[in-house]
N, C-alpha and C. Protein backbone atom coordinates (compact mmCIF):
# COMPACT_ATOMS: atom_id res chain seq x y z
N UNK A 1 3.13 -18.30 19.68
CA UNK A 1 2.44 -17.09 19.28
C UNK A 1 3.22 -16.47 18.11
N UNK A 2 2.51 -16.08 17.05
CA UNK A 2 3.16 -15.42 15.92
C UNK A 2 2.75 -13.96 15.88
N UNK A 3 3.63 -13.15 15.34
CA UNK A 3 3.38 -11.72 15.23
C UNK A 3 3.45 -11.32 13.76
N UNK A 4 2.47 -10.56 13.31
CA UNK A 4 2.51 -10.02 11.96
C UNK A 4 3.50 -8.87 11.93
N UNK A 5 4.10 -8.64 10.79
CA UNK A 5 5.06 -7.57 10.66
C UNK A 5 4.59 -6.55 9.61
N UNK A 6 5.19 -5.41 9.65
CA UNK A 6 4.93 -4.33 8.70
C UNK A 6 5.15 -4.85 7.27
N UNK A 7 4.26 -4.54 6.37
CA UNK A 7 4.37 -4.97 4.98
C UNK A 7 4.49 -3.76 4.08
N UNK A 8 5.45 -3.80 3.17
CA UNK A 8 5.64 -2.70 2.23
C UNK A 8 5.96 -3.27 0.86
N UNK A 9 5.35 -2.68 -0.15
CA UNK A 9 5.60 -3.06 -1.54
C UNK A 9 5.92 -1.80 -2.33
N UNK A 10 6.77 -1.94 -3.33
CA UNK A 10 7.12 -0.83 -4.20
C UNK A 10 6.50 -1.09 -5.57
N UNK A 11 5.83 -0.08 -6.12
CA UNK A 11 5.21 -0.15 -7.44
C UNK A 11 5.93 0.85 -8.33
N UNK A 12 6.37 0.37 -9.49
CA UNK A 12 7.09 1.25 -10.41
C UNK A 12 6.69 0.90 -11.84
N UNK A 13 6.31 1.92 -12.62
CA UNK A 13 5.96 1.69 -14.01
C UNK A 13 6.15 2.97 -14.81
N UNK A 14 6.44 2.79 -16.08
CA UNK A 14 6.47 3.93 -17.00
C UNK A 14 5.21 3.95 -17.84
N UNK A 15 4.35 2.94 -17.65
CA UNK A 15 3.09 2.83 -18.40
C UNK A 15 1.97 3.46 -17.57
N UNK A 16 1.64 4.70 -17.88
CA UNK A 16 0.62 5.44 -17.12
C UNK A 16 -0.72 4.70 -17.14
N UNK A 17 -1.05 4.10 -18.25
CA UNK A 17 -2.33 3.40 -18.37
C UNK A 17 -2.41 2.21 -17.41
N UNK A 18 -1.29 1.60 -17.07
CA UNK A 18 -1.28 0.43 -16.19
C UNK A 18 -1.17 0.80 -14.71
N UNK A 19 -0.88 2.05 -14.40
CA UNK A 19 -0.61 2.45 -13.02
C UNK A 19 -1.76 2.15 -12.07
N UNK A 20 -2.98 2.53 -12.42
CA UNK A 20 -4.12 2.28 -11.53
C UNK A 20 -4.28 0.79 -11.24
N UNK A 21 -4.18 -0.03 -12.28
CA UNK A 21 -4.32 -1.47 -12.08
C UNK A 21 -3.23 -2.02 -11.17
N UNK A 22 -2.01 -1.56 -11.36
CA UNK A 22 -0.90 -2.03 -10.52
C UNK A 22 -1.09 -1.62 -9.06
N UNK A 23 -1.49 -0.37 -8.85
CA UNK A 23 -1.72 0.09 -7.47
C UNK A 23 -2.88 -0.65 -6.83
N UNK A 24 -3.97 -0.81 -7.56
CA UNK A 24 -5.13 -1.53 -7.01
C UNK A 24 -4.78 -2.98 -6.67
N UNK A 25 -4.04 -3.63 -7.54
CA UNK A 25 -3.63 -5.01 -7.30
C UNK A 25 -2.73 -5.12 -6.07
N UNK A 26 -1.82 -4.18 -5.93
CA UNK A 26 -0.91 -4.19 -4.78
C UNK A 26 -1.67 -3.94 -3.48
N UNK A 27 -2.60 -3.01 -3.49
CA UNK A 27 -3.42 -2.76 -2.30
C UNK A 27 -4.19 -4.03 -1.94
N UNK A 28 -4.78 -4.70 -2.93
CA UNK A 28 -5.52 -5.94 -2.66
C UNK A 28 -4.61 -7.00 -2.03
N UNK A 29 -3.36 -7.07 -2.49
CA UNK A 29 -2.42 -8.04 -1.95
C UNK A 29 -2.07 -7.76 -0.49
N UNK A 30 -2.08 -6.50 -0.10
CA UNK A 30 -1.67 -6.12 1.25
C UNK A 30 -2.83 -6.12 2.26
N UNK A 31 -4.05 -6.15 1.78
CA UNK A 31 -5.21 -6.11 2.67
C UNK A 31 -5.14 -7.18 3.78
N UNK A 32 -4.83 -8.45 3.48
CA UNK A 32 -4.79 -9.44 4.58
C UNK A 32 -3.78 -9.07 5.68
N UNK A 33 -2.62 -8.57 5.29
CA UNK A 33 -1.62 -8.17 6.29
C UNK A 33 -2.12 -6.99 7.12
N UNK A 34 -2.76 -6.03 6.46
CA UNK A 34 -3.28 -4.87 7.18
C UNK A 34 -4.36 -5.28 8.18
N UNK A 35 -5.24 -6.18 7.77
CA UNK A 35 -6.28 -6.66 8.67
C UNK A 35 -5.67 -7.41 9.86
N UNK A 36 -4.66 -8.23 9.59
CA UNK A 36 -4.01 -8.98 10.67
C UNK A 36 -3.36 -8.05 11.69
N UNK A 37 -2.90 -6.90 11.23
CA UNK A 37 -2.27 -5.92 12.11
C UNK A 37 -3.25 -4.90 12.67
N UNK A 38 -4.51 -4.96 12.23
CA UNK A 38 -5.53 -3.95 12.57
C UNK A 38 -5.05 -2.56 12.18
N UNK A 39 -4.48 -2.48 10.97
CA UNK A 39 -3.97 -1.22 10.44
C UNK A 39 -4.62 -0.93 9.09
N UNK A 40 -4.44 0.31 8.64
CA UNK A 40 -4.86 0.68 7.31
C UNK A 40 -3.71 0.56 6.34
N UNK A 41 -3.92 1.11 5.15
CA UNK A 41 -2.92 1.04 4.09
C UNK A 41 -2.61 2.46 3.62
N UNK A 42 -1.32 2.73 3.44
CA UNK A 42 -0.88 4.03 2.97
C UNK A 42 -0.19 3.86 1.62
N UNK A 43 -0.61 4.67 0.63
CA UNK A 43 0.01 4.69 -0.69
C UNK A 43 0.72 6.03 -0.81
N UNK A 44 2.03 6.00 -1.05
CA UNK A 44 2.83 7.21 -1.12
C UNK A 44 3.56 7.31 -2.46
N UNK A 45 3.41 8.44 -3.11
CA UNK A 45 4.15 8.68 -4.35
C UNK A 45 5.56 9.09 -3.97
N UNK A 46 6.56 8.34 -4.45
CA UNK A 46 7.94 8.63 -4.10
C UNK A 46 8.73 9.18 -5.28
N UNK A 47 8.10 9.21 -6.44
CA UNK A 47 8.75 9.74 -7.64
C UNK A 47 7.85 9.53 -8.83
N UNK A 48 8.27 10.00 -10.00
CA UNK A 48 7.45 9.81 -11.20
C UNK A 48 7.24 8.31 -11.49
N UNK A 49 6.00 7.88 -11.44
CA UNK A 49 5.68 6.48 -11.70
C UNK A 49 6.12 5.52 -10.62
N UNK A 50 6.52 6.02 -9.45
CA UNK A 50 6.98 5.16 -8.36
C UNK A 50 6.20 5.44 -7.07
N UNK A 51 5.72 4.36 -6.47
CA UNK A 51 4.89 4.46 -5.27
C UNK A 51 5.29 3.37 -4.30
N UNK A 52 5.03 3.62 -3.00
CA UNK A 52 5.10 2.56 -2.01
C UNK A 52 3.69 2.33 -1.51
N UNK A 53 3.38 1.08 -1.23
CA UNK A 53 2.10 0.68 -0.66
C UNK A 53 2.45 -0.11 0.59
N UNK A 54 1.96 0.35 1.75
CA UNK A 54 2.37 -0.28 3.00
C UNK A 54 1.27 -0.28 4.04
N UNK A 55 1.38 -1.24 4.96
CA UNK A 55 0.51 -1.21 6.13
C UNK A 55 0.97 -0.04 6.98
N UNK A 56 0.02 0.62 7.65
CA UNK A 56 0.36 1.84 8.38
C UNK A 56 -0.44 1.94 9.68
N UNK A 57 0.26 1.99 10.81
CA UNK A 57 -0.44 2.09 12.08
C UNK A 57 -1.15 3.43 12.27
N UNK A 58 -0.76 4.45 11.51
CA UNK A 58 -1.40 5.76 11.63
C UNK A 58 -2.62 5.91 10.71
N UNK A 59 -3.00 4.82 10.04
CA UNK A 59 -4.20 4.81 9.20
C UNK A 59 -5.17 3.81 9.82
N UNK A 60 -6.41 4.22 10.00
CA UNK A 60 -7.41 3.35 10.63
C UNK A 60 -7.63 2.08 9.82
N UNK A 61 -7.80 0.99 10.52
CA UNK A 61 -8.06 -0.30 9.87
C UNK A 61 -9.28 -0.18 8.97
N UNK A 62 -9.16 -0.69 7.74
CA UNK A 62 -10.26 -0.63 6.79
C UNK A 62 -10.16 0.55 5.82
N UNK A 63 -9.17 1.41 6.02
CA UNK A 63 -9.01 2.59 5.17
C UNK A 63 -7.70 2.52 4.38
N UNK A 64 -7.71 3.16 3.22
CA UNK A 64 -6.51 3.35 2.42
C UNK A 64 -6.39 4.85 2.16
N UNK A 65 -5.21 5.40 2.43
CA UNK A 65 -4.98 6.82 2.17
C UNK A 65 -3.84 6.98 1.17
N UNK A 66 -3.95 8.02 0.37
CA UNK A 66 -2.90 8.35 -0.60
C UNK A 66 -2.18 9.60 -0.13
N UNK A 67 -0.86 9.53 -0.13
CA UNK A 67 -0.03 10.63 0.36
C UNK A 67 0.83 11.12 -0.81
N UNK A 68 0.74 12.41 -1.14
CA UNK A 68 1.62 12.90 -2.21
C UNK A 68 3.07 12.88 -1.77
N UNK A 69 3.95 12.65 -2.72
CA UNK A 69 5.38 12.54 -2.40
C UNK A 69 6.03 13.81 -2.25
């Protein structure tokens, strides 16, 4: 039996124009892990141009929430 684990990615850029694409791409990459865990995805701003994107048990499966830092 295998167990899925919590997945977290850090996104960092100084290029404001690229930020949306980077965040969207990272969310897409984490979707399979979130589905395997029956969890949602949380995007948190941790600083200027820096975000974490992670699977989150407190977010309903199929949803992505953004949390201000």
